[in-house]
Amino acid sequence: MREQQIQNEARIALSKDGHTQFRINTGTVITRDGRPFSSGTPKGFFDLVGYRKQDKQIFFIDMKTKTGRIRDDQIKFSIKLKNDNVIHGIARSSEDALKIVNEGLIGYGLEKYV
């Protein structure tokens, strides 16, 4: 399954469970005069950000395929979130995303990195 499909399923599952979440779009485009223009968040920022229904606690989730690799900039972002005790993790399925949010996990899927 592609990362986009996993992300879509996770977004639906989180919404059905009552959590508010937003997909973070980033990227680089080339302007008409040939210059690159980057928009969005800093490098390493996760794919989804939202808050839990029960306590409005913020969470961050990055989506990966079963074999998707975690980048160094994502590890650095995770370290910051962990130090601040923020719910976050790597989800390789909608079940992972729900687990991260509902159990309030910090650094799920990143244990060997941080």
C-alpha atoms as a PDB file:
ATOM      1  CA  MET A   1       0.000   0.000   0.000  1.00  0.00           C
ATOM      2  CA  ARG A   2       1.255   3.486  -0.856  1.00  0.00           C
ATOM      3  CA  GLU A   3       1.907   6.079   1.840  1.00  0.00           C
ATOM      4  CA  GLN A   4      -0.893   8.278   0.495  1.00  0.00           C
ATOM      5  CA  GLN A   5      -3.408   5.438   0.882  1.00  0.00           C
ATOM      6  CA  ILE A   6      -2.254   4.753   4.438  1.00  0.00           C
ATOM      7  CA  GLN A   7      -2.557   8.448   5.237  1.00  0.00           C
ATOM      8  CA  ASN A   8      -6.077   8.671   3.803  1.00  0.00           C
ATOM      9  CA  GLU A   9      -7.212   5.631   5.806  1.00  0.00           C
ATOM     10  CA  ALA A  10      -5.647   7.044   8.973  1.00  0.00           C
ATOM     11  CA  ARG A  11      -7.326  10.417   8.469  1.00  0.00           C
ATOM     12  CA  ILE A  12     -10.705   8.742   8.065  1.00  0.00           C
ATOM     13  CA  ALA A  13     -10.158   6.545  11.137  1.00  0.00           C
ATOM     14  CA  LEU A  14      -9.054   9.492  13.288  1.00  0.00           C
ATOM     15  CA  SER A  15     -12.033  11.574  12.171  1.00  0.00           C
ATOM     16  CA  LYS A  16     -14.495   8.722  12.815  1.00  0.00           C
ATOM     17  CA  ASP A  17     -13.007   8.415  16.291  1.00  0.00           C
ATOM     18  CA  GLY A  18     -13.752  12.113  16.883  1.00  0.00           C
ATOM     19  CA  HIS A  19     -10.243  13.536  16.666  1.00  0.00           C
ATOM     20  CA  THR A  20      -9.482  16.688  14.698  1.00  0.00           C
ATOM     21  CA  GLN A  21      -6.529  16.428  12.337  1.00  0.00           C
ATOM     22  CA  PHE A  22      -5.007  18.316   9.450  1.00  0.00           C
ATOM     23  CA  ARG A  23      -2.835  17.094   6.603  1.00  0.00           C
ATOM     24  CA  ILE A  24       0.325  19.136   6.226  1.00  0.00           C
ATOM     25  CA  ASN A  25       1.185  19.862   2.595  1.00  0.00           C
ATOM     26  CA  THR A  26       4.704  20.913   1.735  1.00  0.00           C
ATOM     27  CA  GLY A  27       6.798  20.966  -1.353  1.00  0.00           C
ATOM     28  CA  THR A  28       8.950  22.820  -3.791  1.00  0.00           C
ATOM     29  CA  VAL A  29       7.798  24.253  -7.103  1.00  0.00           C
ATOM     30  CA  ILE A  30       9.643  26.051  -9.857  1.00  0.00           C
ATOM     31  CA  THR A  31       8.444  29.584 -10.525  1.00  0.00           C
ATOM     32  CA  ARG A  32       7.835  30.805 -14.078  1.00  0.00           C
ATOM     33  CA  ASP A  33      11.250  32.432 -14.111  1.00  0.00           C
ATOM     34  CA  GLY A  34      12.928  29.139 -13.102  1.00  0.00           C
ATOM     35  CA  ARG A  35      13.544  29.750  -9.402  1.00  0.00           C
ATOM     36  CA  PRO A  36      12.682  27.075  -6.834  1.00  0.00           C
ATOM     37  CA  PHE A  37      10.150  28.094  -4.201  1.00  0.00           C
ATOM     38  CA  SER A  38       9.577  25.989  -1.092  1.00  0.00           C
ATOM     39  CA  SER A  39       6.408  26.283   0.935  1.00  0.00           C
ATOM     40  CA  GLY A  40       5.144  24.756   4.100  1.00  0.00           C
ATOM     41  CA  THR A  41       6.715  23.617   7.304  1.00  0.00           C
ATOM     42  CA  PRO A  42      10.335  23.060   8.339  1.00  0.00           C
ATOM     43  CA  LYS A  43      12.150  19.897   7.236  1.00  0.00           C
ATOM     44  CA  GLY A  44      11.206  16.904   9.358  1.00  0.00           C
ATOM     45  CA  PHE A  45       7.696  18.117  10.195  1.00  0.00           C
ATOM     46  CA  PHE A  46       5.217  15.224  10.322  1.00  0.00           C
ATOM     47  CA  ASP A  47       2.379  14.557   7.842  1.00  0.00           C
ATOM     48  CA  LEU A  48      -0.555  15.038  10.214  1.00  0.00           C
ATOM     49  CA  VAL A  49      -1.129  17.343  13.157  1.00  0.00           C
ATOM     50  CA  GLY A  50      -4.251  17.463  15.243  1.00  0.00           C
ATOM     51  CA  TYR A  51      -5.776  17.295  18.684  1.00  0.00           C
ATOM     52  CA  ARG A  52      -7.540  14.591  20.656  1.00  0.00           C
ATOM     53  CA  LYS A  53     -11.266  14.795  21.250  1.00  0.00           C
ATOM     54  CA  GLN A  54     -11.163  14.035  24.983  1.00  0.00           C
ATOM     55  CA  ASP A  55      -8.587  16.532  26.220  1.00  0.00           C
ATOM     56  CA  LYS A  56      -7.629  18.648  23.174  1.00  0.00           C
ATOM     57  CA  GLN A  57      -4.017  17.456  23.521  1.00  0.00           C
ATOM     58  CA  ILE A  58      -2.060  18.044  20.320  1.00  0.00           C
ATOM     59  CA  PHE A  59      -0.541  15.159  18.363  1.00  0.00           C
ATOM     60  CA  PHE A  60       1.765  14.692  15.375  1.00  0.00           C
ATOM     61  CA  ILE A  61       1.828  11.620  13.119  1.00  0.00           C
ATOM     62  CA  ASP A  62       4.112  10.785  10.235  1.00  0.00           C
ATOM     63  CA  MET A  63       2.897   8.163   7.803  1.00  0.00           C
ATOM     64  CA  LYS A  64       5.211   5.488   6.393  1.00  0.00           C
ATOM     65  CA  THR A  65       4.763   2.359   4.330  1.00  0.00           C
ATOM     66  CA  LYS A  66       5.756  -0.971   5.885  1.00  0.00           C
ATOM     67  CA  THR A  67       9.315  -0.439   4.582  1.00  0.00           C
ATOM     68  CA  GLY A  68       9.397   3.376   4.617  1.00  0.00           C
ATOM     69  CA  ARG A  69      12.526   4.875   6.146  1.00  0.00           C
ATOM     70  CA  ILE A  70      12.625   7.588   8.774  1.00  0.00           C
ATOM     71  CA  ARG A  71      14.773  10.561   7.751  1.00  0.00           C
ATOM     72  CA  ASP A  72      17.327  12.244  10.010  1.00  0.00           C
ATOM     73  CA  ASP A  73      15.334  15.489  10.052  1.00  0.00           C
ATOM     74  CA  GLN A  74      12.263  13.543  11.253  1.00  0.00           C
ATOM     75  CA  ILE A  75      14.340  12.022  14.056  1.00  0.00           C
ATOM     76  CA  LYS A  76      15.453  15.508  15.115  1.00  0.00           C
ATOM     77  CA  PHE A  77      11.828  16.707  15.086  1.00  0.00           C
ATOM     78  CA  SER A  78      10.816  13.659  17.139  1.00  0.00           C
ATOM     79  CA  ILE A  79      13.513  14.388  19.723  1.00  0.00           C
ATOM     80  CA  LYS A  80      12.107  17.898  20.154  1.00  0.00           C
ATOM     81  CA  LEU A  81       8.564  16.534  20.537  1.00  0.00           C
ATOM     82  CA  LYS A  82       9.744  13.880  22.998  1.00  0.00           C
ATOM     83  CA  ASN A  83      11.582  16.465  25.099  1.00  0.00           C
ATOM     84  CA  ASP A  84       8.374  18.503  25.221  1.00  0.00           C
ATOM     85  CA  ASN A  85       6.262  15.420  26.076  1.00  0.00           C
ATOM     86  CA  VAL A  86       4.100  15.755  22.943  1.00  0.00           C
ATOM     87  CA  ILE A  87       2.078  12.840  21.564  1.00  0.00           C
ATOM     88  CA  HIS A  88       3.665  11.716  18.300  1.00  0.00           C
ATOM     89  CA  GLY A  89       4.816   8.759  16.294  1.00  0.00           C
ATOM     90  CA  ILE A  90       5.266   6.922  13.036  1.00  0.00           C
ATOM     91  CA  ALA A  91       2.150   5.193  11.741  1.00  0.00           C
ATOM     92  CA  ARG A  92       2.364   2.441   9.165  1.00  0.00           C
ATOM     93  CA  SER A  93      -1.398   1.815   9.304  1.00  0.00           C
ATOM     94  CA  SER A  94      -4.598   3.484  10.460  1.00  0.00           C
ATOM     95  CA  GLU A  95      -4.448   1.198  13.515  1.00  0.00           C
ATOM     96  CA  ASP A  96      -1.043   2.647  14.408  1.00  0.00           C
ATOM     97  CA  ALA A  97      -2.406   6.193  14.067  1.00  0.00           C
ATOM     98  CA  LEU A  98      -5.331   5.425  16.392  1.00  0.00           C
ATOM     99  CA  LYS A  99      -3.004   3.734  18.884  1.00  0.00           C
ATOM    100  CA  ILE A 100      -0.661   6.764  18.974  1.00  0.00           C
ATOM    101  CA  VAL A 101      -3.511   9.181  19.582  1.00  0.00           C
ATOM    102  CA  ASN A 102      -5.788   7.147  21.854  1.00  0.00           C
ATOM    103  CA  GLU A 103      -2.997   5.849  24.073  1.00  0.00           C
ATOM    104  CA  GLY A 104      -1.136   9.170  24.121  1.00  0.00           C
ATOM    105  CA  LEU A 105       2.107   7.585  22.944  1.00  0.00           C
ATOM    106  CA  ILE A 106       5.283   9.613  22.683  1.00  0.00           C
ATOM    107  CA  GLY A 107       7.764   8.527  20.022  1.00  0.00           C
ATOM    108  CA  TYR A 108       5.877   5.448  18.821  1.00  0.00           C
ATOM    109  CA  GLY A 109       7.821   3.740  16.037  1.00  0.00           C
ATOM    110  CA  LEU A 110      10.891   5.851  16.787  1.00  0.00           C
ATOM    111  CA  GLU A 111      12.082   4.016  19.893  1.00  0.00           C
ATOM    112  CA  LYS A 112      15.382   2.889  18.361  1.00  0.00           C
ATOM    113  CA  TYR A 113      16.167   6.424  17.165  1.00  0.00           C
ATOM    114  CA  VAL A 114      15.392   8.651  20.149  1.00  0.00           C
END
